[in-house]
Structure formats: C-alpha cells, structure tokens
Amino acid sequence: MPDITLRPATERDWDFVAFVTETCMRDYVEETWGQWRADSSDYFDANLHQIVRCDCNDIGCIALVDEPAVLVLKTLYILPSHQNRGIGAALMRRIIEQANLNKKPIHLRVLRVNPARRFYERHGFVVTHSSDERHFMALSTG
C-alpha cells in the first residue's frame, strides 16, 4: 500500500480541487443533466476539504462536514490514475473510524449513474431514499 496522507486544504488548492472534481465527475454530471458547469471558487470552503496525498503527490480530495448529529461526506475523489489501488477504501475506513469514535452516522449522496454506489455499499452504506438524479445513503456507526 502506498503512503497515503491528508493535509488541510488552503484557498490555493481551489484549482486542484476543481480539476479533481471535473476529472472524477464530469461524465456522470453530463449523463445526468446534459452539461457540465464548473463550480466557482466563490463556493470553495477550504476548511471543509482535505487534500489526499500519495507518496508526496496530491491525488484527490475529501470534504467531510462534522454536523452535531451526523458526519456528511460531501466528496471523496481520487484521480483515476490512482483508483482501484485501495486508496479510497483506506480513506473510507478512516472516515468510518472517526464516525465510530464520535458515535455519529455518516450520510452521503451519489449520482444514480455513478458506479461509486457499489463502493459505498461494500463499506456498509445503504440507500435510505432516492431522487431522479441521486441516491442518498447512510451508514450507522457507534
């Protein structure tokens, strides 16, 4: 397993986070809504993001919101060149450990067309409800 670390994001990470987001999500967004519209840096909250590093290289990002009663996983994106190596699974185990320590469930949403749903199901998440575009998933912990 490569050396996987996280570092807090800074405002200077916006371009990288935008690149990772587009690389990982553009095809699914276009399939769902017909077009890609890039987010503006105005909506980037560096305090919510961590940059995933592999052997000292930035390879992805996580956005996790610690709410009073739940952890909300907003994003877990790994660049395709680093996918299918167990990195996402290792990160998910860390997130689940954090949730267990805090005795909080984890909530997330995933586009219906995104095969990441299977990744989350392998980690114990279940679909709680769905919309035309998304599945909303949860993992009970504690």
C-alpha atoms as a PDB file:
ATOM      1  CA  MET A   1       0.000   0.000   0.000  1.00  0.00           C
ATOM      2  CA  PRO A   2       1.387   3.419  -0.912  1.00  0.00           C
ATOM      3  CA  ASP A   3       1.905   6.071   1.750  1.00  0.00           C
ATOM      4  CA  ILE A   4      -1.440   7.904   1.939  1.00  0.00           C
ATOM      5  CA  THR A   5      -1.657  11.134   3.912  1.00  0.00           C
ATOM      6  CA  LEU A   6      -4.106  14.000   4.227  1.00  0.00           C
ATOM      7  CA  ARG A   7      -3.335  17.660   4.551  1.00  0.00           C
ATOM      8  CA  PRO A   8      -5.717  20.544   5.204  1.00  0.00           C
ATOM      9  CA  ALA A   9      -6.708  22.388   2.054  1.00  0.00           C
ATOM     10  CA  THR A  10      -5.954  26.063   1.620  1.00  0.00           C
ATOM     11  CA  GLU A  11      -7.538  28.642  -0.659  1.00  0.00           C
ATOM     12  CA  ARG A  12      -4.629  27.998  -3.061  1.00  0.00           C
ATOM     13  CA  ASP A  13      -5.930  24.442  -3.558  1.00  0.00           C
ATOM     14  CA  TRP A  14      -9.048  25.599  -5.422  1.00  0.00           C
ATOM     15  CA  ASP A  15      -7.619  24.898  -8.887  1.00  0.00           C
ATOM     16  CA  PHE A  16      -6.564  21.385  -7.879  1.00  0.00           C
ATOM     17  CA  VAL A  17      -9.903  20.602  -6.211  1.00  0.00           C
ATOM     18  CA  ALA A  18     -11.765  21.901  -9.277  1.00  0.00           C
ATOM     19  CA  PHE A  19      -9.558  19.769 -11.550  1.00  0.00           C
ATOM     20  CA  VAL A  20     -10.115  16.617  -9.462  1.00  0.00           C
ATOM     21  CA  THR A  21     -13.848  17.261  -9.259  1.00  0.00           C
ATOM     22  CA  GLU A  22     -14.190  17.695 -13.015  1.00  0.00           C
ATOM     23  CA  THR A  23     -11.971  14.728 -13.784  1.00  0.00           C
ATOM     24  CA  CYS A  24     -13.950  12.441 -11.481  1.00  0.00           C
ATOM     25  CA  MET A  25     -17.474  13.777 -12.031  1.00  0.00           C
ATOM     26  CA  ARG A  26     -17.874  15.411 -15.448  1.00  0.00           C
ATOM     27  CA  ASP A  27     -19.075  12.299 -17.316  1.00  0.00           C
ATOM     28  CA  TYR A  28     -21.656  11.473 -14.618  1.00  0.00           C
ATOM     29  CA  VAL A  29     -22.910  15.055 -14.429  1.00  0.00           C
ATOM     30  CA  GLU A  30     -23.261  15.271 -18.209  1.00  0.00           C
ATOM     31  CA  GLU A  31     -25.093  11.943 -18.282  1.00  0.00           C
ATOM     32  CA  THR A  32     -27.439  13.162 -15.542  1.00  0.00           C
ATOM     33  CA  TRP A  33     -28.067  16.783 -16.538  1.00  0.00           C
ATOM     34  CA  GLY A  34     -26.717  17.030 -20.101  1.00  0.00           C
ATOM     35  CA  GLN A  35     -23.923  19.504 -19.441  1.00  0.00           C
ATOM     36  CA  TRP A  36     -21.054  20.282 -17.112  1.00  0.00           C
ATOM     37  CA  ARG A  37     -20.997  23.597 -15.286  1.00  0.00           C
ATOM     38  CA  ALA A  38     -17.839  24.150 -13.304  1.00  0.00           C
ATOM     39  CA  ASP A  39     -18.207  25.491  -9.787  1.00  0.00           C
ATOM     40  CA  SER A  40     -16.894  28.913  -8.987  1.00  0.00           C
ATOM     41  CA  SER A  41     -14.104  29.386  -6.476  1.00  0.00           C
ATOM     42  CA  ASP A  42     -16.632  31.522  -4.566  1.00  0.00           C
ATOM     43  CA  TYR A  43     -18.216  28.273  -3.334  1.00  0.00           C
ATOM     44  CA  PHE A  44     -14.946  26.641  -2.229  1.00  0.00           C
ATOM     45  CA  ASP A  45     -14.589  26.282   1.524  1.00  0.00           C
ATOM     46  CA  ALA A  46     -11.033  25.195   2.225  1.00  0.00           C
ATOM     47  CA  ASN A  47     -11.983  24.472   5.837  1.00  0.00           C
ATOM     48  CA  LEU A  48     -14.147  21.533   4.713  1.00  0.00           C
ATOM     49  CA  HIS A  49     -11.563  19.985   2.401  1.00  0.00           C
ATOM     50  CA  GLN A  50      -8.524  17.851   2.849  1.00  0.00           C
ATOM     51  CA  ILE A  51      -6.107  17.027   0.077  1.00  0.00           C
ATOM     52  CA  VAL A  52      -5.277  13.358  -0.393  1.00  0.00           C
ATOM     53  CA  ARG A  53      -1.586  12.732  -0.963  1.00  0.00           C
ATOM     54  CA  CYS A  54       0.132   9.587  -2.177  1.00  0.00           C
ATOM     55  CA  ASP A  55       3.890   9.386  -1.828  1.00  0.00           C
ATOM     56  CA  CYS A  56       4.018  13.206  -1.507  1.00  0.00           C
ATOM     57  CA  ASN A  57       1.826  13.898  -4.587  1.00  0.00           C
ATOM     58  CA  ASP A  58      -1.664  15.415  -4.487  1.00  0.00           C
ATOM     59  CA  ILE A  59      -4.059  12.784  -5.877  1.00  0.00           C
ATOM     60  CA  GLY A  60      -7.528  13.656  -4.590  1.00  0.00           C
ATOM     61  CA  CYS A  61      -9.700  15.453  -2.114  1.00  0.00           C
ATOM     62  CA  ILE A  62     -12.169  14.796   0.667  1.00  0.00           C
ATOM     63  CA  ALA A  63     -14.834  17.139   2.017  1.00  0.00           C
ATOM     64  CA  LEU A  64     -16.326  15.986   5.306  1.00  0.00           C
ATOM     65  CA  VAL A  65     -18.769  18.088   7.313  1.00  0.00           C
ATOM     66  CA  ASP A  66     -18.956  17.328  11.034  1.00  0.00           C
ATOM     67  CA  GLU A  67     -22.502  18.284  11.992  1.00  0.00           C
ATOM     68  CA  PRO A  68     -23.848  17.894  15.548  1.00  0.00           C
ATOM     69  CA  ALA A  69     -25.641  14.596  14.879  1.00  0.00           C
ATOM     70  CA  VAL A  70     -24.009  13.266  11.700  1.00  0.00           C
ATOM     71  CA  LEU A  71     -20.885  13.275   9.548  1.00  0.00           C
ATOM     72  CA  VAL A  72     -21.711  14.271   5.985  1.00  0.00           C
ATOM     73  CA  LEU A  73     -19.316  13.019   3.332  1.00  0.00           C
ATOM     74  CA  LYS A  74     -19.598  15.647   0.592  1.00  0.00           C
ATOM     75  CA  THR A  75     -16.758  14.383  -1.607  1.00  0.00           C
ATOM     76  CA  LEU A  76     -14.259  11.569  -1.795  1.00  0.00           C
ATOM     77  CA  TYR A  77     -12.492  11.957  -5.135  1.00  0.00           C
ATOM     78  CA  ILE A  78      -9.345  10.158  -6.198  1.00  0.00           C
ATOM     79  CA  LEU A  79      -7.797  10.859  -9.597  1.00  0.00           C
ATOM     80  CA  PRO A  80      -8.438   7.944 -11.998  1.00  0.00           C
ATOM     81  CA  SER A  81      -4.712   7.193 -12.279  1.00  0.00           C
ATOM     82  CA  HIS A  82      -4.773   6.285  -8.569  1.00  0.00           C
ATOM     83  CA  GLN A  83      -8.123   4.497  -8.391  1.00  0.00           C
ATOM     84  CA  ASN A  84      -8.539   0.752  -7.800  1.00  0.00           C
ATOM     85  CA  ARG A  85      -5.467   0.592  -5.562  1.00  0.00           C
ATOM     86  CA  GLY A  86      -7.236   0.507  -2.200  1.00  0.00           C
ATOM     87  CA  ILE A  87      -6.685   4.204  -1.519  1.00  0.00           C
ATOM     88  CA  GLY A  88     -10.384   5.082  -1.399  1.00  0.00           C
ATOM     89  CA  ALA A  89     -11.071   2.052   0.794  1.00  0.00           C
ATOM     90  CA  ALA A  90      -8.317   3.050   3.225  1.00  0.00           C
ATOM     91  CA  LEU A  91      -9.710   6.580   3.406  1.00  0.00           C
ATOM     92  CA  MET A  92     -13.241   5.286   3.916  1.00  0.00           C
ATOM     93  CA  ARG A  93     -12.037   3.125   6.808  1.00  0.00           C
ATOM     94  CA  ARG A  94     -10.529   6.251   8.406  1.00  0.00           C
ATOM     95  CA  ILE A  95     -13.795   8.150   7.989  1.00  0.00           C
ATOM     96  CA  ILE A  96     -15.771   5.261   9.485  1.00  0.00           C
ATOM     97  CA  GLU A  97     -13.345   5.083  12.429  1.00  0.00           C
ATOM     98  CA  GLN A  98     -13.834   8.812  13.035  1.00  0.00           C
ATOM     99  CA  ALA A  99     -17.614   8.372  12.918  1.00  0.00           C
ATOM    100  CA  ASN A 100     -17.427   5.436  15.343  1.00  0.00           C
ATOM    101  CA  LEU A 101     -15.323   7.456  17.791  1.00  0.00           C
ATOM    102  CA  ASN A 102     -17.853  10.285  17.630  1.00  0.00           C
ATOM    103  CA  LYS A 103     -20.827   7.885  17.687  1.00  0.00           C
ATOM    104  CA  LYS A 104     -22.308   9.527  14.596  1.00  0.00           C
ATOM    105  CA  PRO A 105     -23.796   8.065  11.436  1.00  0.00           C
ATOM    106  CA  ILE A 106     -22.359   9.025   8.048  1.00  0.00           C
ATOM    107  CA  HIS A 107     -24.575  10.418   5.311  1.00  0.00           C
ATOM    108  CA  LEU A 108     -23.713  10.960   1.658  1.00  0.00           C
ATOM    109  CA  ARG A 109     -25.294  11.279  -1.752  1.00  0.00           C
ATOM    110  CA  VAL A 110     -24.189   9.789  -5.044  1.00  0.00           C
ATOM    111  CA  LEU A 111     -25.472  10.315  -8.562  1.00  0.00           C
ATOM    112  CA  ARG A 112     -27.583   7.371  -9.743  1.00  0.00           C
ATOM    113  CA  VAL A 113     -25.323   6.895 -12.784  1.00  0.00           C
ATOM    114  CA  ASN A 114     -22.138   6.832 -10.695  1.00  0.00           C
ATOM    115  CA  PRO A 115     -20.825   3.320 -10.017  1.00  0.00           C
ATOM    116  CA  ALA A 116     -19.353   4.628  -6.723  1.00  0.00           C
ATOM    117  CA  ARG A 117     -22.622   3.478  -5.151  1.00  0.00           C
ATOM    118  CA  ARG A 118     -21.207  -0.063  -5.142  1.00  0.00           C
ATOM    119  CA  PHE A 119     -18.054   1.182  -3.399  1.00  0.00           C
ATOM    120  CA  TYR A 120     -20.162   2.704  -0.618  1.00  0.00           C
ATOM    121  CA  GLU A 121     -22.333  -0.401  -0.326  1.00  0.00           C
ATOM    122  CA  ARG A 122     -19.191  -2.525   0.134  1.00  0.00           C
ATOM    123  CA  HIS A 123     -18.432  -0.339   3.155  1.00  0.00           C
ATOM    124  CA  GLY A 124     -21.863  -0.917   4.663  1.00  0.00           C
ATOM    125  CA  PHE A 125     -23.802   2.101   3.385  1.00  0.00           C
ATOM    126  CA  VAL A 126     -27.445   1.602   2.441  1.00  0.00           C
ATOM    127  CA  VAL A 127     -29.694   3.693   0.251  1.00  0.00           C
ATOM    128  CA  THR A 128     -32.172   5.499   2.503  1.00  0.00           C
ATOM    129  CA  HIS A 129     -34.038   7.234  -0.314  1.00  0.00           C
ATOM    130  CA  SER A 130     -33.573   8.329  -3.909  1.00  0.00           C
ATOM    131  CA  SER A 131     -34.484  11.151  -6.238  1.00  0.00           C
ATOM    132  CA  ASP A 132     -34.497  11.081 -10.026  1.00  0.00           C
ATOM    133  CA  GLU A 133     -30.810  12.045 -10.019  1.00  0.00           C
ATOM    134  CA  ARG A 134     -29.334  10.785  -6.743  1.00  0.00           C
ATOM    135  CA  HIS A 135     -29.236   8.067  -4.141  1.00  0.00           C
ATOM    136  CA  PHE A 136     -28.967   9.213  -0.545  1.00  0.00           C
ATOM    137  CA  MET A 137     -27.024   6.755   1.578  1.00  0.00           C
ATOM    138  CA  ALA A 138     -26.252   6.283   5.255  1.00  0.00           C
ATOM    139  CA  LEU A 139     -24.054   4.183   7.488  1.00  0.00           C
ATOM    140  CA  SER A 140     -24.988   3.725  11.131  1.00  0.00           C
ATOM    141  CA  THR A 141     -21.974   3.687  13.433  1.00  0.00           C
ATOM    142  CA  GLY A 142     -21.249   3.860  17.100  1.00  0.00           C
END
